[in-house]
Amino acid sequence: MTALLAVMSLSSSASAWAHGNFGADTSIWTASAHLFTSPLSLAALIGLALVLFGIREPLSVLAAGLAAAAAVLAVFFSGQIPAIVAPAAVVVIGLVAVAGWRPPVAFSMLLALLAGLAAGSAADLEQPRWQEMTGMGMTVMVCTFWLLALSQNLSLNPGVRLQALLPIARRILGSWVAAMALLLGALVLFGKHA
């Protein structure tokens, strides 16, 4: 949990990494760097893993694919998506995690689409090219599947102490995801008027 906080705090101050390491490069890694240096993108992917905690492998592959497709579409249409959409989607995802609700499959896939939309639009790629969109899709797919596989392994762990702590940890992390998204959404709404 401490490592997660450290990564998220570093990512909020390190958005220049996305340009500093690669310059004007249009490689597939540019989109990955944008994704990992955006706290809202990270919160969307982590929140999705919290909501779909313990989902079985065939559904986790489908959820990862839907999130990746939505992220690519969000990058492609980033100019037409209002800035408040990404924080609003992450707030919904965080609140579902806080509630500890296990959504039905159809709603889970809708949440995967919302998480991908939020992650892609929050990554803030300017004039994306096909390399960057490919990188965004690959990164979201791999990260989402990895987080969902990790959550499935944790939920299947026979440790009694761990099983008792997992629902509490889900709710705590979900509240952090929702709080971060609310804060960033407020900055989007009220930052324009200041």
Protein backbone atom coordinates (compact mmCIF):
# COMPACT_ATOMS: atom_id res chain seq x y z
CA MET A 1 0.00 0.00 0.00
CA THR A 2 2.89 2.34 0.80
CA ALA A 3 4.46 1.57 -2.56
CA LEU A 4 1.17 2.43 -4.29
CA LEU A 5 1.05 5.79 -2.53
CA ALA A 6 4.67 6.49 -3.42
CA VAL A 7 4.08 5.70 -7.09
CA MET A 8 0.96 7.85 -7.22
CA SER A 9 2.66 10.80 -5.51
CA LEU A 10 5.67 10.55 -7.81
CA SER A 11 3.43 10.31 -10.85
CA SER A 12 1.60 13.49 -9.97
CA SER A 13 4.84 15.47 -9.98
CA ALA A 14 6.51 13.62 -12.81
CA SER A 15 4.34 14.36 -15.82
CA ALA A 16 7.41 15.80 -17.51
CA TRP A 17 8.86 12.28 -17.62
CA ALA A 18 6.56 11.48 -20.49
CA HIS A 19 8.30 14.11 -22.59
CA GLY A 20 11.73 14.17 -20.98
CA ASN A 21 12.60 10.55 -21.68
CA PHE A 22 11.28 10.39 -25.20
CA GLY A 23 11.23 13.99 -26.44
CA ALA A 24 9.12 14.27 -29.56
CA ASP A 25 9.39 10.53 -30.13
CA THR A 26 6.25 8.83 -31.37
CA SER A 27 7.13 5.39 -30.09
CA ILE A 28 4.65 3.17 -28.34
CA TRP A 29 6.37 3.92 -25.02
CA THR A 30 5.34 7.58 -25.11
CA ALA A 31 1.72 6.66 -24.37
CA SER A 32 2.84 4.32 -21.60
CA ALA A 33 4.79 7.11 -19.96
CA HIS A 34 1.77 9.43 -20.18
CA LEU A 35 -0.41 6.74 -18.63
CA PHE A 36 1.96 6.04 -15.74
CA THR A 37 2.54 9.71 -14.97
CA SER A 38 -1.16 10.53 -14.74
CA PRO A 39 -2.58 9.95 -11.25
CA LEU A 40 -6.11 9.76 -12.64
CA SER A 41 -5.14 7.11 -15.20
CA LEU A 42 -3.52 5.02 -12.48
CA ALA A 43 -6.53 5.51 -10.21
CA ALA A 44 -8.86 4.33 -13.00
CA LEU A 45 -6.93 1.10 -13.53
CA ILE A 46 -6.46 0.41 -9.82
CA GLY A 47 -10.13 1.19 -9.17
CA LEU A 48 -11.16 -1.24 -11.89
CA ALA A 49 -9.08 -3.97 -10.28
CA LEU A 50 -10.73 -3.22 -6.93
CA VAL A 51 -14.23 -3.41 -8.40
CA LEU A 52 -13.59 -6.60 -10.36
CA PHE A 53 -11.59 -8.14 -7.50
CA GLY A 54 -11.34 -11.91 -7.88
CA ILE A 55 -12.95 -12.06 -11.34
CA ARG A 56 -12.22 -15.25 -13.26
CA GLU A 57 -9.65 -15.31 -16.05
CA PRO A 58 -11.89 -15.38 -19.17
CA LEU A 59 -13.79 -12.35 -17.89
CA SER A 60 -10.60 -10.57 -16.84
CA VAL A 61 -9.24 -10.91 -20.39
CA LEU A 62 -12.50 -9.48 -21.75
CA ALA A 63 -12.45 -6.63 -19.21
CA ALA A 64 -8.81 -5.82 -20.05
CA GLY A 65 -9.61 -5.82 -23.77
CA LEU A 66 -12.61 -3.52 -23.30
CA ALA A 67 -10.60 -1.14 -21.13
CA ALA A 68 -7.81 -1.06 -23.73
CA ALA A 69 -10.24 -0.40 -26.59
CA ALA A 70 -11.94 2.37 -24.63
CA ALA A 71 -8.57 3.95 -23.79
CA VAL A 72 -7.58 4.00 -27.46
CA LEU A 73 -10.91 5.57 -28.42
CA ALA A 74 -10.55 8.13 -25.63
CA VAL A 75 -7.09 9.08 -26.90
CA PHE A 76 -8.35 9.33 -30.47
CA PHE A 77 -11.36 11.49 -29.52
CA SER A 78 -9.67 13.37 -26.66
CA GLY A 79 -10.58 16.75 -28.13
CA GLN A 80 -14.29 15.95 -28.03
CA ILE A 81 -14.40 14.50 -24.49
CA PRO A 82 -15.06 17.06 -21.74
CA ALA A 83 -12.34 17.17 -19.08
CA ILE A 84 -14.79 16.29 -16.28
CA VAL A 85 -15.67 12.89 -17.80
CA ALA A 86 -12.51 11.11 -16.60
CA PRO A 87 -12.77 12.18 -12.93
CA ALA A 88 -16.51 11.44 -12.91
CA ALA A 89 -15.93 7.93 -14.26
CA VAL A 90 -13.23 7.25 -11.68
CA VAL A 91 -15.49 8.51 -8.86
CA VAL A 92 -18.15 5.99 -9.93
CA ILE A 93 -15.58 3.20 -10.04
CA GLY A 94 -14.16 4.18 -6.64
CA LEU A 95 -17.61 4.32 -5.03
CA VAL A 96 -18.48 0.86 -6.35
CA ALA A 97 -15.24 -0.41 -4.78
CA VAL A 98 -16.05 1.34 -1.49
CA ALA A 99 -19.47 -0.30 -1.43
CA GLY A 100 -17.82 -3.70 -1.79
CA TRP A 101 -20.43 -4.58 -4.39
CA ARG A 102 -19.78 -7.42 -6.81
CA PRO A 103 -21.48 -6.13 -9.96
CA PRO A 104 -23.05 -8.47 -12.51
CA VAL A 105 -20.97 -9.30 -15.59
CA ALA A 106 -22.66 -6.77 -17.89
CA PHE A 107 -22.17 -3.91 -15.42
CA SER A 108 -18.58 -5.07 -14.78
CA MET A 109 -17.82 -4.76 -18.47
CA LEU A 110 -19.41 -1.29 -18.52
CA LEU A 111 -17.12 -0.31 -15.64
CA ALA A 112 -14.15 -1.67 -17.63
CA LEU A 113 -15.16 0.61 -20.51
CA LEU A 114 -15.45 3.57 -18.11
CA ALA A 115 -12.03 2.84 -16.61
CA GLY A 116 -10.43 2.65 -20.04
CA LEU A 117 -12.14 5.87 -21.10
CA ALA A 118 -10.92 7.61 -17.97
CA ALA A 119 -7.38 6.26 -18.26
CA GLY A 120 -7.08 7.20 -21.92
CA SER A 121 -8.53 10.67 -21.64
CA ALA A 122 -6.59 11.50 -18.46
CA ALA A 123 -3.30 10.49 -20.10
CA ASP A 124 -3.58 13.73 -22.11
CA LEU A 125 -1.81 12.81 -25.33
CA GLU A 126 -1.67 15.71 -27.75
CA GLN A 127 -2.12 14.85 -31.43
CA PRO A 128 -1.81 11.09 -30.95
CA ARG A 129 -0.36 9.01 -33.75
CA TRP A 130 -0.94 5.33 -34.39
CA GLN A 131 2.19 4.36 -32.41
CA GLU A 132 0.96 6.17 -29.32
CA MET A 133 -2.55 4.72 -29.63
CA THR A 134 -1.05 1.23 -30.00
CA GLY A 135 1.09 1.83 -26.93
CA MET A 136 -1.91 3.07 -24.96
CA GLY A 137 -3.94 0.00 -25.86
CA MET A 138 -1.11 -2.40 -25.06
CA THR A 139 -0.28 -0.71 -21.76
CA VAL A 140 -3.88 -0.59 -20.55
CA MET A 141 -4.44 -4.20 -21.60
CA VAL A 142 -1.32 -5.51 -19.84
CA CYS A 143 -1.76 -3.41 -16.69
CA THR A 144 -5.46 -4.21 -16.33
CA PHE A 145 -4.94 -7.92 -16.88
CA TRP A 146 -1.99 -7.97 -14.47
CA LEU A 147 -3.95 -6.15 -11.75
CA LEU A 148 -6.96 -8.45 -12.23
CA ALA A 149 -4.76 -11.56 -12.18
CA LEU A 150 -3.11 -10.31 -8.99
CA SER A 151 -6.49 -9.72 -7.38
CA GLN A 152 -7.66 -13.20 -8.39
CA ASN A 153 -4.54 -14.75 -6.87
CA LEU A 154 -5.07 -12.80 -3.64
CA SER A 155 -8.72 -13.82 -3.43
CA LEU A 156 -7.81 -17.50 -3.87
CA ASN A 157 -5.08 -17.38 -1.20
CA PRO A 158 -6.02 -19.78 1.59
CA GLY A 159 -4.57 -17.55 4.33
CA VAL A 160 -7.34 -16.83 6.85
CA ARG A 161 -5.87 -13.51 7.97
CA LEU A 162 -5.50 -12.29 4.40
CA GLN A 163 -9.07 -13.25 3.51
CA ALA A 164 -10.38 -11.21 6.43
CA LEU A 165 -8.34 -8.13 5.45
CA LEU A 166 -9.06 -8.09 1.70
CA PRO A 167 -12.59 -6.58 1.87
CA ILE A 168 -11.34 -3.86 4.21
CA ALA A 169 -8.35 -3.11 1.95
CA ARG A 170 -10.65 -2.93 -1.09
CA ARG A 171 -12.83 -0.35 0.62
CA ILE A 172 -9.91 1.74 1.85
CA LEU A 173 -8.20 1.80 -1.55
CA GLY A 174 -11.56 2.44 -3.23
CA SER A 175 -12.12 5.46 -1.00
CA TRP A 176 -8.69 6.80 -1.95
CA VAL A 177 -9.47 6.33 -5.64
CA ALA A 178 -12.82 8.13 -5.27
CA ALA A 179 -11.31 10.93 -3.16
CA MET A 180 -8.50 11.52 -5.65
CA ALA A 181 -10.98 11.64 -8.53
CA LEU A 182 -13.25 14.03 -6.61
CA LEU A 183 -10.32 16.33 -5.94
CA LEU A 184 -9.15 16.28 -9.56
CA GLY A 185 -12.73 16.77 -10.76
CA ALA A 186 -13.11 19.80 -8.49
CA LEU A 187 -9.87 21.22 -9.90
CA VAL A 188 -11.22 20.75 -13.42
CA LEU A 189 -14.54 22.42 -12.57
CA PHE A 190 -13.31 25.28 -10.44
CA GLY A 191 -9.84 25.73 -11.91
CA LYS A 192 -11.32 27.27 -15.07
CA HIS A 193 -13.14 29.97 -13.10
CA ALA A 194 -10.19 30.95 -10.90
